[in-house]
Amino acid sequence: MALAIGFVLLVFTMTGSGESAFRALLFVLLPLLCIWFSDAMGRLTGISMGLGRPVITKGTPGVFVAIGGWILLIAGLGAWLMARVQS
């Protein structure tokens, strides 16, 4: 939670834009949901990620969902920082 709040505050501080901070907040919602509700998210089945894509037929262990959430959160922060430093 602290990492996500820090990320949103960092975006707001570096850009000075409320819109950018809101977009960062929207980005961190999925990883936070994966971390906090990993078991419930792992039990979701019958979902397709779009037309012509395979359907999820088996659950995923909650620990893997949580690890994926952490990876997504940290990778998003790293990608934003690298893009910001290059410009």
C-alpha atoms as a PDB file:
ATOM      1  CA  MET A   1       0.000   0.000   0.000  1.00  0.00           C
ATOM      2  CA  ALA A   2       2.798   2.395   0.911  1.00  0.00           C
ATOM      3  CA  LEU A   3       4.530   1.708  -2.419  1.00  0.00           C
ATOM      4  CA  ALA A   4       1.333   2.463  -4.340  1.00  0.00           C
ATOM      5  CA  ILE A   5       0.660   5.674  -2.421  1.00  0.00           C
ATOM      6  CA  GLY A   6       4.288   6.694  -2.858  1.00  0.00           C
ATOM      7  CA  PHE A   7       4.037   6.029  -6.589  1.00  0.00           C
ATOM      8  CA  VAL A   8       0.923   8.206  -6.957  1.00  0.00           C
ATOM      9  CA  LEU A   9       2.487  10.990  -4.876  1.00  0.00           C
ATOM     10  CA  LEU A  10       5.722  10.765  -6.868  1.00  0.00           C
ATOM     11  CA  VAL A  11       3.797  11.094 -10.130  1.00  0.00           C
ATOM     12  CA  PHE A  12       1.922  14.106  -8.784  1.00  0.00           C
ATOM     13  CA  THR A  13       5.110  15.713  -7.445  1.00  0.00           C
ATOM     14  CA  MET A  14       7.131  15.200 -10.624  1.00  0.00           C
ATOM     15  CA  THR A  15       4.389  16.174 -13.080  1.00  0.00           C
ATOM     16  CA  GLY A  16       2.303  18.589 -11.047  1.00  0.00           C
ATOM     17  CA  SER A  17      -0.731  17.196 -12.839  1.00  0.00           C
ATOM     18  CA  GLY A  18      -3.774  15.838 -11.077  1.00  0.00           C
ATOM     19  CA  GLU A  19      -4.722  13.948 -14.216  1.00  0.00           C
ATOM     20  CA  SER A  20      -1.400  12.091 -14.236  1.00  0.00           C
ATOM     21  CA  ALA A  21      -1.789  11.250 -10.559  1.00  0.00           C
ATOM     22  CA  PHE A  22      -5.318   9.952 -11.222  1.00  0.00           C
ATOM     23  CA  ARG A  23      -4.030   7.775 -14.053  1.00  0.00           C
ATOM     24  CA  ALA A  24      -1.320   6.423 -11.763  1.00  0.00           C
ATOM     25  CA  LEU A  25      -3.985   5.665  -9.158  1.00  0.00           C
ATOM     26  CA  LEU A  26      -6.025   3.777 -11.742  1.00  0.00           C
ATOM     27  CA  PHE A  27      -2.909   1.837 -12.741  1.00  0.00           C
ATOM     28  CA  VAL A  28      -2.093   0.696  -9.194  1.00  0.00           C
ATOM     29  CA  LEU A  29      -5.636  -0.563  -8.537  1.00  0.00           C
ATOM     30  CA  LEU A  30      -5.211  -3.875 -10.398  1.00  0.00           C
ATOM     31  CA  PRO A  31      -1.905  -4.811  -8.736  1.00  0.00           C
ATOM     32  CA  LEU A  32      -3.318  -3.886  -5.323  1.00  0.00           C
ATOM     33  CA  LEU A  33      -6.398  -6.018  -5.939  1.00  0.00           C
ATOM     34  CA  CYS A  34      -4.164  -8.910  -6.996  1.00  0.00           C
ATOM     35  CA  ILE A  35      -2.097  -8.544  -3.815  1.00  0.00           C
ATOM     36  CA  TRP A  36      -4.942  -8.012  -1.337  1.00  0.00           C
ATOM     37  CA  PHE A  37      -7.485 -10.439  -2.791  1.00  0.00           C
ATOM     38  CA  SER A  38      -5.119 -12.964  -4.367  1.00  0.00           C
ATOM     39  CA  ASP A  39      -7.118 -16.064  -3.395  1.00  0.00           C
ATOM     40  CA  ALA A  40     -10.405 -14.655  -4.682  1.00  0.00           C
ATOM     41  CA  MET A  41      -8.788 -13.426  -7.909  1.00  0.00           C
ATOM     42  CA  GLY A  42      -7.112 -16.812  -8.384  1.00  0.00           C
ATOM     43  CA  ARG A  43     -10.471 -18.606  -8.167  1.00  0.00           C
ATOM     44  CA  LEU A  44     -11.961 -16.635 -11.072  1.00  0.00           C
ATOM     45  CA  THR A  45     -12.711 -18.922 -14.012  1.00  0.00           C
ATOM     46  CA  GLY A  46     -14.796 -18.698 -17.160  1.00  0.00           C
ATOM     47  CA  ILE A  47     -13.289 -15.347 -18.116  1.00  0.00           C
ATOM     48  CA  SER A  48     -12.046 -14.566 -21.621  1.00  0.00           C
ATOM     49  CA  MET A  49      -9.657 -11.694 -22.231  1.00  0.00           C
ATOM     50  CA  GLY A  50     -11.326 -10.804 -25.515  1.00  0.00           C
ATOM     51  CA  LEU A  51     -12.783 -12.182 -28.700  1.00  0.00           C
ATOM     52  CA  GLY A  52     -10.829 -15.162 -29.983  1.00  0.00           C
ATOM     53  CA  ARG A  53      -8.782 -15.512 -26.803  1.00  0.00           C
ATOM     54  CA  PRO A  54      -8.729 -18.619 -24.637  1.00  0.00           C
ATOM     55  CA  VAL A  55     -11.043 -18.860 -21.641  1.00  0.00           C
ATOM     56  CA  ILE A  56      -9.610 -19.314 -18.143  1.00  0.00           C
ATOM     57  CA  THR A  57     -10.799 -22.771 -17.087  1.00  0.00           C
ATOM     58  CA  LYS A  58      -8.762 -23.487 -13.936  1.00  0.00           C
ATOM     59  CA  GLY A  59      -7.987 -21.458 -10.850  1.00  0.00           C
ATOM     60  CA  THR A  60      -4.562 -20.069 -10.062  1.00  0.00           C
ATOM     61  CA  PRO A  61      -2.936 -20.412  -6.623  1.00  0.00           C
ATOM     62  CA  GLY A  62      -3.318 -17.159  -4.721  1.00  0.00           C
ATOM     63  CA  VAL A  63       0.401 -16.845  -4.050  1.00  0.00           C
ATOM     64  CA  PHE A  64       1.100 -16.667  -7.789  1.00  0.00           C
ATOM     65  CA  VAL A  65      -1.560 -13.995  -8.254  1.00  0.00           C
ATOM     66  CA  ALA A  66       0.007 -11.966  -5.425  1.00  0.00           C
ATOM     67  CA  ILE A  67       3.499 -12.351  -6.902  1.00  0.00           C
ATOM     68  CA  GLY A  68       2.148 -11.209 -10.276  1.00  0.00           C
ATOM     69  CA  GLY A  69       0.584  -8.183  -8.606  1.00  0.00           C
ATOM     70  CA  TRP A  70       3.902  -7.230  -7.004  1.00  0.00           C
ATOM     71  CA  ILE A  71       5.742  -7.675 -10.302  1.00  0.00           C
ATOM     72  CA  LEU A  72       3.202  -5.513 -12.122  1.00  0.00           C
ATOM     73  CA  LEU A  73       3.366  -2.812  -9.447  1.00  0.00           C
ATOM     74  CA  ILE A  74       7.177  -2.657  -9.354  1.00  0.00           C
ATOM     75  CA  ALA A  75       7.557  -2.939 -13.141  1.00  0.00           C
ATOM     76  CA  GLY A  76       5.056  -0.114 -13.671  1.00  0.00           C
ATOM     77  CA  LEU A  77       6.946   2.109 -11.272  1.00  0.00           C
ATOM     78  CA  GLY A  78      10.258   1.269 -12.937  1.00  0.00           C
ATOM     79  CA  ALA A  79       8.916   1.835 -16.452  1.00  0.00           C
ATOM     80  CA  TRP A  80       7.421   5.200 -15.498  1.00  0.00           C
ATOM     81  CA  LEU A  81      10.649   6.318 -13.831  1.00  0.00           C
ATOM     82  CA  MET A  82      12.787   5.241 -16.790  1.00  0.00           C
ATOM     83  CA  ALA A  83      10.494   7.032 -19.250  1.00  0.00           C
ATOM     84  CA  ARG A  84      10.556  10.133 -17.059  1.00  0.00           C
ATOM     85  CA  VAL A  85      14.351  10.169 -16.729  1.00  0.00           C
ATOM     86  CA  GLN A  86      14.872   9.799 -20.486  1.00  0.00           C
ATOM     87  CA  SER A  87      12.709  12.801 -21.334  1.00  0.00           C
END
